[in-house]
Amino acid sequence: ELVAQITSGGTTYYTDSVKGRFTISRDNTKNTVYLQMNSLKPEDTA
């Protein structure tokens, strides 16, 4: 399942179950995308 995505323009999308807990970001200078996951739950196991 899709958890989160971010466009080149910075628009983000989150699936409902992670809204408010996960944050996606991208650093084009480092060619890296991040997913900060807070308040993790057992159902996030995957």
ModelCIF file with pLDDT and N, C-alpha, C, O atoms, coordinates in Angstrom:
data_MODEL
#
_entry.id   MODEL 
#
_entity.id                         1 
_entity.type                       polymer 
_entity.pdbx_number_of_molecules   1 
#
_entity_poly.entity_id                      1 
_entity_poly.type                           'polypeptide(L)' 
_entity_poly.nstd_linkage                   no 
_entity_poly.nstd_monomer                   no 
_entity_poly.pdbx_seq_one_letter_code       ELVAQITSGGTTYYTDSVKGRFTISRDNTKNTVYLQMNSLKPEDTA 
_entity_poly.pdbx_seq_one_letter_code_can   ELVAQITSGGTTYYTDSVKGRFTISRDNTKNTVYLQMNSLKPEDTA 
_entity_poly.pdbx_strand_id                 A 
#
loop_
_entity_poly_seq.entity_id 
_entity_poly_seq.num 
_entity_poly_seq.mon_id 
_entity_poly_seq.hetero 
1 1  GLU n 
1 2  LEU n 
1 3  VAL n 
1 4  ALA n 
1 5  GLN n 
1 6  ILE n 
1 7  THR n 
1 8  SER n 
1 9  GLY n 
1 10 GLY n 
1 11 THR n 
1 12 THR n 
1 13 TYR n 
1 14 TYR n 
1 15 THR n 
1 16 ASP n 
1 17 SER n 
1 18 VAL n 
1 19 LYS n 
1 20 GLY n 
1 21 ARG n 
1 22 PHE n 
1 23 THR n 
1 24 ILE n 
1 25 SER n 
1 26 ARG n 
1 27 ASP n 
1 28 ASN n 
1 29 THR n 
1 30 LYS n 
1 31 ASN n 
1 32 THR n 
1 33 VAL n 
1 34 TYR n 
1 35 LEU n 
1 36 GLN n 
1 37 MET n 
1 38 ASN n 
1 39 SER n 
1 40 LEU n 
1 41 LYS n 
1 42 PRO n 
1 43 GLU n 
1 44 ASP n 
1 45 THR n 
1 46 ALA n 
#
_struct_asym.id          A 
_struct_asym.entity_id   1 
#
loop_
_ma_qa_metric.id 
_ma_qa_metric.mode 
_ma_qa_metric.name 
_ma_qa_metric.software_group_id 
_ma_qa_metric.type 
1 global pLDDT . pLDDT 
2 local  pLDDT . pLDDT 
#
_ma_qa_metric_global.metric_id      1 
_ma_qa_metric_global.metric_value   96.93 
_ma_qa_metric_global.model_id       1 
_ma_qa_metric_global.ordinal_id     1 
#
loop_
_ma_qa_metric_local.label_asym_id 
_ma_qa_metric_local.label_comp_id 
_ma_qa_metric_local.label_seq_id 
_ma_qa_metric_local.metric_id 
_ma_qa_metric_local.metric_value 
_ma_qa_metric_local.model_id 
_ma_qa_metric_local.ordinal_id 
A GLU 1  2 98.00 1 1  
A LEU 2  2 98.00 1 2  
A VAL 3  2 98.00 1 3  
A ALA 4  2 98.00 1 4  
A GLN 5  2 98.00 1 5  
A ILE 6  2 97.00 1 6  
A THR 7  2 96.00 1 7  
A SER 8  2 93.00 1 8  
A GLY 9  2 93.00 1 9  
A GLY 10 2 94.00 1 10 
A THR 11 2 97.00 1 11 
A THR 12 2 98.00 1 12 
A TYR 13 2 98.00 1 13 
A TYR 14 2 98.00 1 14 
A THR 15 2 98.00 1 15 
A ASP 16 2 98.00 1 16 
A SER 17 2 97.00 1 17 
A VAL 18 2 98.00 1 18 
A LYS 19 2 98.00 1 19 
A GLY 20 2 98.00 1 20 
A ARG 21 2 98.00 1 21 
A PHE 22 2 98.00 1 22 
A THR 23 2 98.00 1 23 
A ILE 24 2 98.00 1 24 
A SER 25 2 97.00 1 25 
A ARG 26 2 95.00 1 26 
A ASP 27 2 94.00 1 27 
A ASN 28 2 91.00 1 28 
A THR 29 2 93.00 1 29 
A LYS 30 2 95.00 1 30 
A ASN 31 2 95.00 1 31 
A THR 32 2 97.00 1 32 
A VAL 33 2 97.00 1 33 
A TYR 34 2 98.00 1 34 
A LEU 35 2 98.00 1 35 
A GLN 36 2 98.00 1 36 
A MET 37 2 98.00 1 37 
A ASN 38 2 98.00 1 38 
A SER 39 2 98.00 1 39 
A LEU 40 2 98.00 1 40 
A LYS 41 2 98.00 1 41 
A PRO 42 2 97.00 1 42 
A GLU 43 2 97.00 1 43 
A ASP 44 2 98.00 1 44 
A THR 45 2 98.00 1 45 
A ALA 46 2 98.00 1 46 
#
loop_
_atom_site.group_PDB 
_atom_site.id 
_atom_site.type_symbol 
_atom_site.label_atom_id 
_atom_site.label_alt_id 
_atom_site.label_comp_id 
_atom_site.label_asym_id 
_atom_site.label_entity_id 
_atom_site.label_seq_id 
_atom_site.pdbx_PDB_ins_code 
_atom_site.Cartn_x 
_atom_site.Cartn_y 
_atom_site.Cartn_z 
_atom_site.occupancy 
_atom_site.B_iso_or_equiv 
_atom_site.pdbx_formal_charge 
_atom_site.auth_seq_id 
_atom_site.auth_comp_id 
_atom_site.auth_asym_id 
_atom_site.auth_atom_id 
_atom_site.pdbx_PDB_model_num 
ATOM 1   N N  . GLU A 1 1  ? 0.827  -1.197 0.000  1.00 98.00 ? 1  GLU A N  1 
ATOM 2   C CA . GLU A 1 1  ? 0.000  0.000  0.000  1.00 98.00 ? 1  GLU A CA 1 
ATOM 3   C C  . GLU A 1 1  ? 0.868  1.257  0.000  1.00 98.00 ? 1  GLU A C  1 
ATOM 4   O O  . GLU A 1 1  ? 1.986  1.270  0.517  1.00 98.00 ? 1  GLU A O  1 
ATOM 5   N N  . LEU A 1 2  ? 0.323  2.296  -0.589 1.00 98.00 ? 2  LEU A N  1 
ATOM 6   C CA . LEU A 1 2  ? 0.989  3.594  -0.584 1.00 98.00 ? 2  LEU A CA 1 
ATOM 7   C C  . LEU A 1 2  ? 0.835  4.227  0.795  1.00 98.00 ? 2  LEU A C  1 
ATOM 8   O O  . LEU A 1 2  ? -0.271 4.336  1.325  1.00 98.00 ? 2  LEU A O  1 
ATOM 9   N N  . VAL A 1 3  ? 1.956  4.638  1.361  1.00 98.00 ? 3  VAL A N  1 
ATOM 10  C CA . VAL A 1 3  ? 1.944  5.278  2.671  1.00 98.00 ? 3  VAL A CA 1 
ATOM 11  C C  . VAL A 1 3  ? 1.986  6.799  2.530  1.00 98.00 ? 3  VAL A C  1 
ATOM 12  O O  . VAL A 1 3  ? 1.192  7.513  3.143  1.00 98.00 ? 3  VAL A O  1 
ATOM 13  N N  . ALA A 1 4  ? 2.914  7.277  1.723  1.00 98.00 ? 4  ALA A N  1 
ATOM 14  C CA . ALA A 1 4  ? 3.073  8.719  1.550  1.00 98.00 ? 4  ALA A CA 1 
ATOM 15  C C  . ALA A 1 4  ? 3.827  8.974  0.253  1.00 98.00 ? 4  ALA A C  1 
ATOM 16  O O  . ALA A 1 4  ? 4.612  8.136  -0.192 1.00 98.00 ? 4  ALA A O  1 
ATOM 17  N N  . GLN A 1 5  ? 3.589  10.128 -0.348 1.00 98.00 ? 5  GLN A N  1 
ATOM 18  C CA . GLN A 1 5  ? 4.333  10.495 -1.529 1.00 98.00 ? 5  GLN A CA 1 
ATOM 19  C C  . GLN A 1 5  ? 4.510  11.997 -1.574 1.00 98.00 ? 5  GLN A C  1 
ATOM 20  O O  . GLN A 1 5  ? 3.771  12.750 -0.939 1.00 98.00 ? 5  GLN A O  1 
ATOM 21  N N  . ILE A 1 6  ? 5.513  12.420 -2.345 1.00 97.00 ? 6  ILE A N  1 
ATOM 22  C CA . ILE A 1 6  ? 5.801  13.839 -2.470 1.00 97.00 ? 6  ILE A CA 1 
ATOM 23  C C  . ILE A 1 6  ? 6.191  14.109 -3.917 1.00 97.00 ? 6  ILE A C  1 
ATOM 24  O O  . ILE A 1 6  ? 6.962  13.360 -4.516 1.00 97.00 ? 6  ILE A O  1 
ATOM 25  N N  . THR A 1 7  ? 5.653  15.178 -4.463 1.00 96.00 ? 7  THR A N  1 
ATOM 26  C CA . THR A 1 7  ? 5.959  15.534 -5.844 1.00 96.00 ? 7  THR A CA 1 
ATOM 27  C C  . THR A 1 7  ? 7.206  16.420 -5.895 1.00 96.00 ? 7  THR A C  1 
ATOM 28  O O  . THR A 1 7  ? 7.718  16.861 -4.866 1.00 96.00 ? 7  THR A O  1 
ATOM 29  N N  . SER A 1 8  ? 7.667  16.660 -7.088 1.00 93.00 ? 8  SER A N  1 
ATOM 30  C CA . SER A 1 8  ? 8.824  17.532 -7.258 1.00 93.00 ? 8  SER A CA 1 
ATOM 31  C C  . SER A 1 8  ? 8.514  18.956 -6.812 1.00 93.00 ? 8  SER A C  1 
ATOM 32  O O  . SER A 1 8  ? 9.419  19.718 -6.474 1.00 93.00 ? 8  SER A O  1 
ATOM 33  N N  . GLY A 1 9  ? 7.237  19.310 -6.814 1.00 93.00 ? 9  GLY A N  1 
ATOM 34  C CA . GLY A 1 9  ? 6.838  20.630 -6.365 1.00 93.00 ? 9  GLY A CA 1 
ATOM 35  C C  . GLY A 1 9  ? 6.581  20.721 -4.881 1.00 93.00 ? 9  GLY A C  1 
ATOM 36  O O  . GLY A 1 9  ? 6.291  21.798 -4.358 1.00 93.00 ? 9  GLY A O  1 
ATOM 37  N N  . GLY A 1 10 ? 6.688  19.572 -4.184 1.00 94.00 ? 10 GLY A N  1 
ATOM 38  C CA . GLY A 1 10 ? 6.520  19.577 -2.739 1.00 94.00 ? 10 GLY A CA 1 
ATOM 39  C C  . GLY A 1 10 ? 5.134  19.203 -2.235 1.00 94.00 ? 10 GLY A C  1 
ATOM 40  O O  . GLY A 1 10 ? 4.881  19.225 -1.031 1.00 94.00 ? 10 GLY A O  1 
ATOM 41  N N  . THR A 1 11 ? 4.243  18.861 -3.150 1.00 97.00 ? 11 THR A N  1 
ATOM 42  C CA . THR A 1 11 ? 2.906  18.434 -2.724 1.00 97.00 ? 11 THR A CA 1 
ATOM 43  C C  . THR A 1 11 ? 2.988  17.044 -2.109 1.00 97.00 ? 11 THR A C  1 
ATOM 44  O O  . THR A 1 11 ? 3.609  16.138 -2.663 1.00 97.00 ? 11 THR A O  1 
ATOM 45  N N  . THR A 1 12 ? 2.353  16.895 -0.961 1.00 98.00 ? 12 THR A N  1 
ATOM 46  C CA . THR A 1 12 ? 2.422  15.619 -0.256 1.00 98.00 ? 12 THR A CA 1 
ATOM 47  C C  . THR A 1 12 ? 1.052  14.960 -0.163 1.00 98.00 ? 12 THR A C  1 
ATOM 48  O O  . THR A 1 12 ? 0.005  15.604 -0.228 1.00 98.00 ? 12 THR A O  1 
ATOM 49  N N  . TYR A 1 13 ? 1.120  13.645 -0.006 1.00 98.00 ? 13 TYR A N  1 
ATOM 50  C CA . TYR A 1 13 ? -0.079 12.836 0.213  1.00 98.00 ? 13 TYR A CA 1 
ATOM 51  C C  . TYR A 1 13 ? 0.253  11.814 1.293  1.00 98.00 ? 13 TYR A C  1 
ATOM 52  O O  . TYR A 1 13 ? 1.356  11.268 1.331  1.00 98.00 ? 13 TYR A O  1 
ATOM 53  N N  . TYR A 1 14 ? -0.718 11.564 2.172  1.00 98.00 ? 14 TYR A N  1 
ATOM 54  C CA . TYR A 1 14 ? -0.567 10.545 3.206  1.00 98.00 ? 14 TYR A CA 1 
ATOM 55  C C  . TYR A 1 14 ? -1.816 9.684  3.256  1.00 98.00 ? 14 TYR A C  1 
ATOM 56  O O  . TYR A 1 14 ? -2.935 10.181 3.127  1.00 98.00 ? 14 TYR A O  1 
ATOM 57  N N  . THR A 1 15 ? -1.616 8.403  3.445  1.00 98.00 ? 15 THR A N  1 
ATOM 58  C CA . THR A 1 15 ? -2.765 7.557  3.682  1.00 98.00 ? 15 THR A CA 1 
ATOM 59  C C  . THR A 1 15 ? -3.336 7.911  5.061  1.00 98.00 ? 15 THR A C  1 
ATOM 60  O O  . THR A 1 15 ? -2.606 8.362  5.944  1.00 98.00 ? 15 THR A O  1 
ATOM 61  N N  . ASP A 1 16 ? -4.621 7.707  5.234  1.00 98.00 ? 16 ASP A N  1 
ATOM 62  C CA . ASP A 1 16 ? -5.289 8.184  6.447  1.00 98.00 ? 16 ASP A CA 1 
ATOM 63  C C  . ASP A 1 16 ? -4.658 7.653  7.737  1.00 98.00 ? 16 ASP A C  1 
ATOM 64  O O  . ASP A 1 16 ? -4.583 8.365  8.738  1.00 98.00 ? 16 ASP A O  1 
ATOM 65  N N  . SER A 1 17 ? -4.215 6.420  7.704  1.00 97.00 ? 17 SER A N  1 
ATOM 66  C CA . SER A 1 17 ? -3.743 5.793  8.943  1.00 97.00 ? 17 SER A CA 1 
ATOM 67  C C  . SER A 1 17 ? -2.438 6.397  9.474  1.00 97.00 ? 17 SER A C  1 
ATOM 68  O O  . SER A 1 17 ? -2.073 6.150  10.623 1.00 97.00 ? 17 SER A O  1 
ATOM 69  N N  . VAL A 1 18 ? -1.733 7.179  8.660  1.00 98.00 ? 18 VAL A N  1 
ATOM 70  C CA . VAL A 1 18 ? -0.464 7.751  9.114  1.00 98.00 ? 18 VAL A CA 1 
ATOM 71  C C  . VAL A 1 18 ? -0.504 9.273  9.211  1.00 98.00 ? 18 VAL A C  1 
ATOM 72  O O  . VAL A 1 18 ? 0.475  9.886  9.638  1.00 98.00 ? 18 VAL A O  1 
ATOM 73  N N  . LYS A 1 19 ? -1.597 9.880  8.830  1.00 98.00 ? 19 LYS A N  1 
ATOM 74  C CA . LYS A 1 19 ? -1.688 11.339 8.889  1.00 98.00 ? 19 LYS A CA 1 
ATOM 75  C C  . LYS A 1 19 ? -1.458 11.840 10.307 1.00 98.00 ? 19 LYS A C  1 
ATOM 76  O O  . LYS A 1 19 ? -2.015 11.313 11.270 1.00 98.00 ? 19 LYS A O  1 
ATOM 77  N N  . GLY A 1 20 ? -0.639 12.853 10.411 1.00 98.00 ? 20 GLY A N  1 
ATOM 78  C CA . GLY A 1 20 ? -0.320 13.419 11.715 1.00 98.00 ? 20 GLY A CA 1 
ATOM 79  C C  . GLY A 1 20 ? 0.807  12.709 12.437 1.00 98.00 ? 20 GLY A C  1 
ATOM 80  O O  . GLY A 1 20 ? 1.295  13.201 13.455 1.00 98.00 ? 20 GLY A O  1 
ATOM 81  N N  . ARG A 1 21 ? 1.230  11.563 11.931 1.00 98.00 ? 21 ARG A N  1 
ATOM 82  C CA . ARG A 1 21 ? 2.318  10.808 12.563 1.00 98.00 ? 21 ARG A CA 1 
ATOM 83  C C  . ARG A 1 21 ? 3.555  10.712 11.671 1.00 98.00 ? 21 ARG A C  1 
ATOM 84  O O  . ARG A 1 21 ? 4.681  10.744 12.169 1.00 98.00 ? 21 ARG A O  1 
ATOM 85  N N  . PHE A 1 22 ? 3.357  10.597 10.372 1.00 98.00 ? 22 PHE A N  1 
ATOM 86  C CA . PHE A 1 22 ? 4.470  10.443 9.423  1.00 98.00 ? 22 PHE A CA 1 
ATOM 87  C C  . PHE A 1 22 ? 4.655  11.722 8.621  1.00 98.00 ? 22 PHE A C  1 
ATOM 88  O O  . PHE A 1 22 ? 3.698  12.444 8.341  1.00 98.00 ? 22 PHE A O  1 
ATOM 89  N N  . THR A 1 23 ? 5.898  11.986 8.259  1.00 98.00 ? 23 THR A N  1 
ATOM 90  C CA . THR A 1 23 ? 6.209  13.136 7.418  1.00 98.00 ? 23 THR A CA 1 
ATOM 91  C C  . THR A 1 23 ? 7.189  12.712 6.333  1.00 98.00 ? 23 THR A C  1 
ATOM 92  O O  . THR A 1 23 ? 8.253  12.161 6.617  1.00 98.00 ? 23 THR A O  1 
ATOM 93  N N  . ILE A 1 24 ? 6.813  12.979 5.089  1.00 98.00 ? 24 ILE A N  1 
ATOM 94  C CA . ILE A 1 24 ? 7.700  12.684 3.965  1.00 98.00 ? 24 ILE A CA 1 
ATOM 95  C C  . ILE A 1 24 ? 8.389  13.977 3.522  1.00 98.00 ? 24 ILE A C  1 
ATOM 96  O O  . ILE A 1 24 ? 7.789  15.052 3.535  1.00 98.00 ? 24 ILE A O  1 
ATOM 97  N N  . SER A 1 25 ? 9.641  13.852 3.135  1.00 97.00 ? 25 SER A N  1 
ATOM 98  C CA . SER A 1 25 ? 10.365 15.014 2.631  1.00 97.00 ? 25 SER A CA 1 
ATOM 99  C C  . SER A 1 25 ? 11.381 14.536 1.601  1.00 97.00 ? 25 SER A C  1 
ATOM 100 O O  . SER A 1 25 ? 11.743 13.360 1.561  1.00 97.00 ? 25 SER A O  1 
ATOM 101 N N  . ARG A 1 26 ? 11.828 15.460 0.777  1.00 95.00 ? 26 ARG A N  1 
ATOM 102 C CA . ARG A 1 26 ? 12.839 15.115 -0.220 1.00 95.00 ? 26 ARG A CA 1 
ATOM 103 C C  . ARG A 1 26 ? 13.901 16.205 -0.241 1.00 95.00 ? 26 ARG A C  1 
ATOM 104 O O  . ARG A 1 26 ? 13.605 17.395 -0.144 1.00 95.00 ? 26 ARG A O  1 
ATOM 105 N N  . ASP A 1 27 ? 15.135 15.764 -0.370 1.00 94.00 ? 27 ASP A N  1 
ATOM 106 C CA . ASP A 1 27 ? 16.261 16.687 -0.484 1.00 94.00 ? 27 ASP A CA 1 
ATOM 107 C C  . ASP A 1 27 ? 16.912 16.425 -1.830 1.00 94.00 ? 27 ASP A C  1 
ATOM 108 O O  . ASP A 1 27 ? 17.712 15.501 -1.971 1.00 94.00 ? 27 ASP A O  1 
ATOM 109 N N  . ASN A 1 28 ? 16.569 17.235 -2.811 1.00 91.00 ? 28 ASN A N  1 
ATOM 110 C CA . ASN A 1 28 ? 17.094 17.025 -4.162 1.00 91.00 ? 28 ASN A CA 1 
ATOM 111 C C  . ASN A 1 28 ? 18.611 17.220 -4.224 1.00 91.00 ? 28 ASN A C  1 
ATOM 112 O O  . ASN A 1 28 ? 19.264 16.660 -5.105 1.00 91.00 ? 28 ASN A O  1 
ATOM 113 N N  . THR A 1 29 ? 19.175 17.994 -3.317 1.00 93.00 ? 29 THR A N  1 
ATOM 114 C CA . THR A 1 29 ? 20.626 18.204 -3.325 1.00 93.00 ? 29 THR A CA 1 
ATOM 115 C C  . THR A 1 29 ? 21.375 16.964 -2.864 1.00 93.00 ? 29 THR A C  1 
ATOM 116 O O  . THR A 1 29 ? 22.535 16.763 -3.224 1.00 93.00 ? 29 THR A O  1 
ATOM 117 N N  . LYS A 1 30 ? 20.709 16.130 -2.064 1.00 95.00 ? 30 LYS A N  1 
ATOM 118 C CA . LYS A 1 30 ? 21.322 14.891 -1.567 1.00 95.00 ? 30 LYS A CA 1 
ATOM 119 C C  . LYS A 1 30 ? 20.754 13.654 -2.250 1.00 95.00 ? 30 LYS A C  1 
ATOM 120 O O  . LYS A 1 30 ? 21.123 12.528 -1.917 1.00 95.00 ? 30 LYS A O  1 
ATOM 121 N N  . ASN A 1 31 ? 19.846 13.869 -3.215 1.00 95.00 ? 31 ASN A N  1 
ATOM 122 C CA . ASN A 1 31 ? 19.210 12.751 -3.931 1.00 95.00 ? 31 ASN A CA 1 
ATOM 123 C C  . ASN A 1 31 ? 18.589 11.756 -2.952 1.00 95.00 ? 31 ASN A C  1 
ATOM 124 O O  . ASN A 1 31 ? 18.723 10.543 -3.115 1.00 95.00 ? 31 ASN A O  1 
ATOM 125 N N  . THR A 1 32 ? 17.924 12.273 -1.956 1.00 97.00 ? 32 THR A N  1 
ATOM 126 C CA . THR A 1 32 ? 17.406 11.428 -0.880 1.00 97.00 ? 32 THR A CA 1 
ATOM 127 C C  . THR A 1 32 ? 15.988 11.846 -0.510 1.00 97.00 ? 32 THR A C  1 
ATOM 128 O O  . THR A 1 32 ? 15.643 13.027 -0.493 1.00 97.00 ? 32 THR A O  1 
ATOM 129 N N  . VAL A 1 33 ? 15.189 10.841 -0.217 1.00 97.00 ? 33 VAL A N  1 
ATOM 130 C CA . VAL A 1 33 ? 13.837 11.038 0.282  1.00 97.00 ? 33 VAL A CA 1 
ATOM 131 C C  . VAL A 1 33 ? 13.772 10.427 1.682  1.00 97.00 ? 33 VAL A C  1 
ATOM 132 O O  . VAL A 1 33 ? 14.358 9.379  1.952  1.00 97.00 ? 33 VAL A O  1 
ATOM 133 N N  . TYR A 1 34 ? 13.051 11.104 2.550  1.00 98.00 ? 34 TYR A N  1 
ATOM 134 C CA . TYR A 1 34 ? 12.957 10.658 3.936  1.00 98.00 ? 34 TYR A CA 1 
ATOM 135 C C  . TYR A 1 34 ? 11.507 10.377 4.328  1.00 98.00 ? 34 TYR A C  1 
ATOM 136 O O  . TYR A 1 34 ? 10.571 10.937 3.757  1.00 98.00 ? 34 TYR A O  1 
ATOM 137 N N  . LEU A 1 35 ? 11.350 9.501  5.309  1.00 98.00 ? 35 LEU A N  1 
ATOM 138 C CA . LEU A 1 35 ? 10.049 9.290  5.925  1.00 98.00 ? 35 LEU A CA 1 
ATOM 139 C C  . LEU A 1 35 ? 10.265 9.291  7.435  1.00 98.00 ? 35 LEU A C  1 
ATOM 140 O O  . LEU A 1 35 ? 10.795 8.335  8.001  1.00 98.00 ? 35 LEU A O  1 
ATOM 141 N N  . GLN A 1 36 ? 9.849  10.368 8.070  1.00 98.00 ? 36 GLN A N  1 
ATOM 142 C CA . GLN A 1 36 ? 9.923  10.463 9.530  1.00 98.00 ? 36 GLN A CA 1 
ATOM 143 C C  . GLN A 1 36 ? 8.661  9.848  10.093 1.00 98.00 ? 36 GLN A C  1 
ATOM 144 O O  . GLN A 1 36 ? 7.550  10.270 9.772  1.00 98.00 ? 36 GLN A O  1 
ATOM 145 N N  . MET A 1 37 ? 8.843  8.845  10.937 1.00 98.00 ? 37 MET A N  1 
ATOM 146 C CA . MET A 1 37 ? 7.707  8.117  11.493 1.00 98.00 ? 37 MET A CA 1 
ATOM 147 C C  . MET A 1 37 ? 7.705  8.277  13.003 1.00 98.00 ? 37 MET A C  1 
ATOM 148 O O  . MET A 1 37 ? 8.620  7.825  13.692 1.00 98.00 ? 37 MET A O  1 
ATOM 149 N N  . ASN A 1 38 ? 6.673  8.920  13.504 1.00 98.00 ? 38 ASN A N  1 
ATOM 150 C CA . ASN A 1 38 ? 6.526  9.139  14.943 1.00 98.00 ? 38 ASN A CA 1 
ATOM 151 C C  . ASN A 1 38 ? 5.300  8.395  15.466 1.00 98.00 ? 38 ASN A C  1 
ATOM 152 O O  . ASN A 1 38 ? 4.435  7.972  14.699 1.00 98.00 ? 38 ASN A O  1 
ATOM 153 N N  . SER A 1 39 ? 5.246  8.247  16.784 1.00 98.00 ? 39 SER A N  1 
ATOM 154 C CA . SER A 1 39 ? 4.096  7.581  17.418 1.00 98.00 ? 39 SER A CA 1 
ATOM 155 C C  . SER A 1 39 ? 3.780  6.259  16.734 1.00 98.00 ? 39 SER A C  1 
ATOM 156 O O  . SER A 1 39 ? 2.628  5.980  16.400 1.00 98.00 ? 39 SER A O  1 
ATOM 157 N N  . LEU A 1 40 ? 4.790  5.467  16.533 1.00 98.00 ? 40 LEU A N  1 
ATOM 158 C CA . LEU A 1 40 ? 4.620  4.213  15.799 1.00 98.00 ? 40 LEU A CA 1 
ATOM 159 C C  . LEU A 1 40 ? 3.719  3.245  16.548 1.00 98.00 ? 40 LEU A C  1 
ATOM 160 O O  . LEU A 1 40 ? 3.703  3.192  17.778 1.00 98.00 ? 40 LEU A O  1 
ATOM 161 N N  . LYS A 1 41 ? 2.975  2.487  15.766 1.00 98.00 ? 41 LYS A N  1 
ATOM 162 C CA . LYS A 1 41 ? 2.038  1.505  16.297 1.00 98.00 ? 41 LYS A CA 1 
ATOM 163 C C  . LYS A 1 41 ? 2.406  0.116  15.776 1.00 98.00 ? 41 LYS A C  1 
ATOM 164 O O  . LYS A 1 41 ? 3.058  0.005  14.737 1.00 98.00 ? 41 LYS A O  1 
ATOM 165 N N  . PRO A 1 42 ? 2.004  -0.932 16.471 1.00 97.00 ? 42 PRO A N  1 
ATOM 166 C CA . PRO A 1 42 ? 2.295  -2.289 15.975 1.00 97.00 ? 42 PRO A CA 1 
ATOM 167 C C  . PRO A 1 42 ? 1.780  -2.519 14.563 1.00 97.00 ? 42 PRO A C  1 
ATOM 168 O O  . PRO A 1 42 ? 2.388  -3.262 13.793 1.00 97.00 ? 42 PRO A O  1 
ATOM 169 N N  . GLU A 1 43 ? 0.671  -1.892 14.221 1.00 97.00 ? 43 GLU A N  1 
ATOM 170 C CA . GLU A 1 43 ? 0.119  -2.072 12.864 1.00 97.00 ? 43 GLU A CA 1 
ATOM 171 C C  . GLU A 1 43 ? 0.943  -1.377 11.786 1.00 97.00 ? 43 GLU A C  1 
ATOM 172 O O  . GLU A 1 43 ? 0.654  -1.533 10.600 1.00 97.00 ? 43 GLU A O  1 
ATOM 173 N N  . ASP A 1 44 ? 1.952  -0.622 12.170 1.00 98.00 ? 44 ASP A N  1 
ATOM 174 C CA . ASP A 1 44 ? 2.872  -0.035 11.195 1.00 98.00 ? 44 ASP A CA 1 
ATOM 175 C C  . ASP A 1 44 ? 3.963  -1.031 10.788 1.00 98.00 ? 44 ASP A C  1 
ATOM 176 O O  . ASP A 1 44 ? 4.755  -0.749 9.889  1.00 98.00 ? 44 ASP A O  1 
ATOM 177 N N  . THR A 1 45 ? 4.005  -2.178 11.440 1.00 98.00 ? 45 THR A N  1 
ATOM 178 C CA . THR A 1 45 ? 5.005  -3.198 11.117 1.00 98.00 ? 45 THR A CA 1 
ATOM 179 C C  . THR A 1 45 ? 4.837  -3.670 9.676  1.00 98.00 ? 45 THR A C  1 
ATOM 180 O O  . THR A 1 45 ? 3.759  -4.104 9.270  1.00 98.00 ? 45 THR A O  1 
ATOM 181 N N  . ALA A 1 46 ? 5.920  -3.579 8.915  1.00 98.00 ? 46 ALA A N  1 
ATOM 182 C CA . ALA A 1 46 ? 5.879  -3.943 7.501  1.00 98.00 ? 46 ALA A CA 1 
ATOM 183 C C  . ALA A 1 46 ? 7.268  -3.759 6.909  1.00 98.00 ? 46 ALA A C  1 
ATOM 184 O O  . ALA A 1 46 ? 7.470  -4.008 5.720  1.00 98.00 ? 46 ALA A O  1 
#
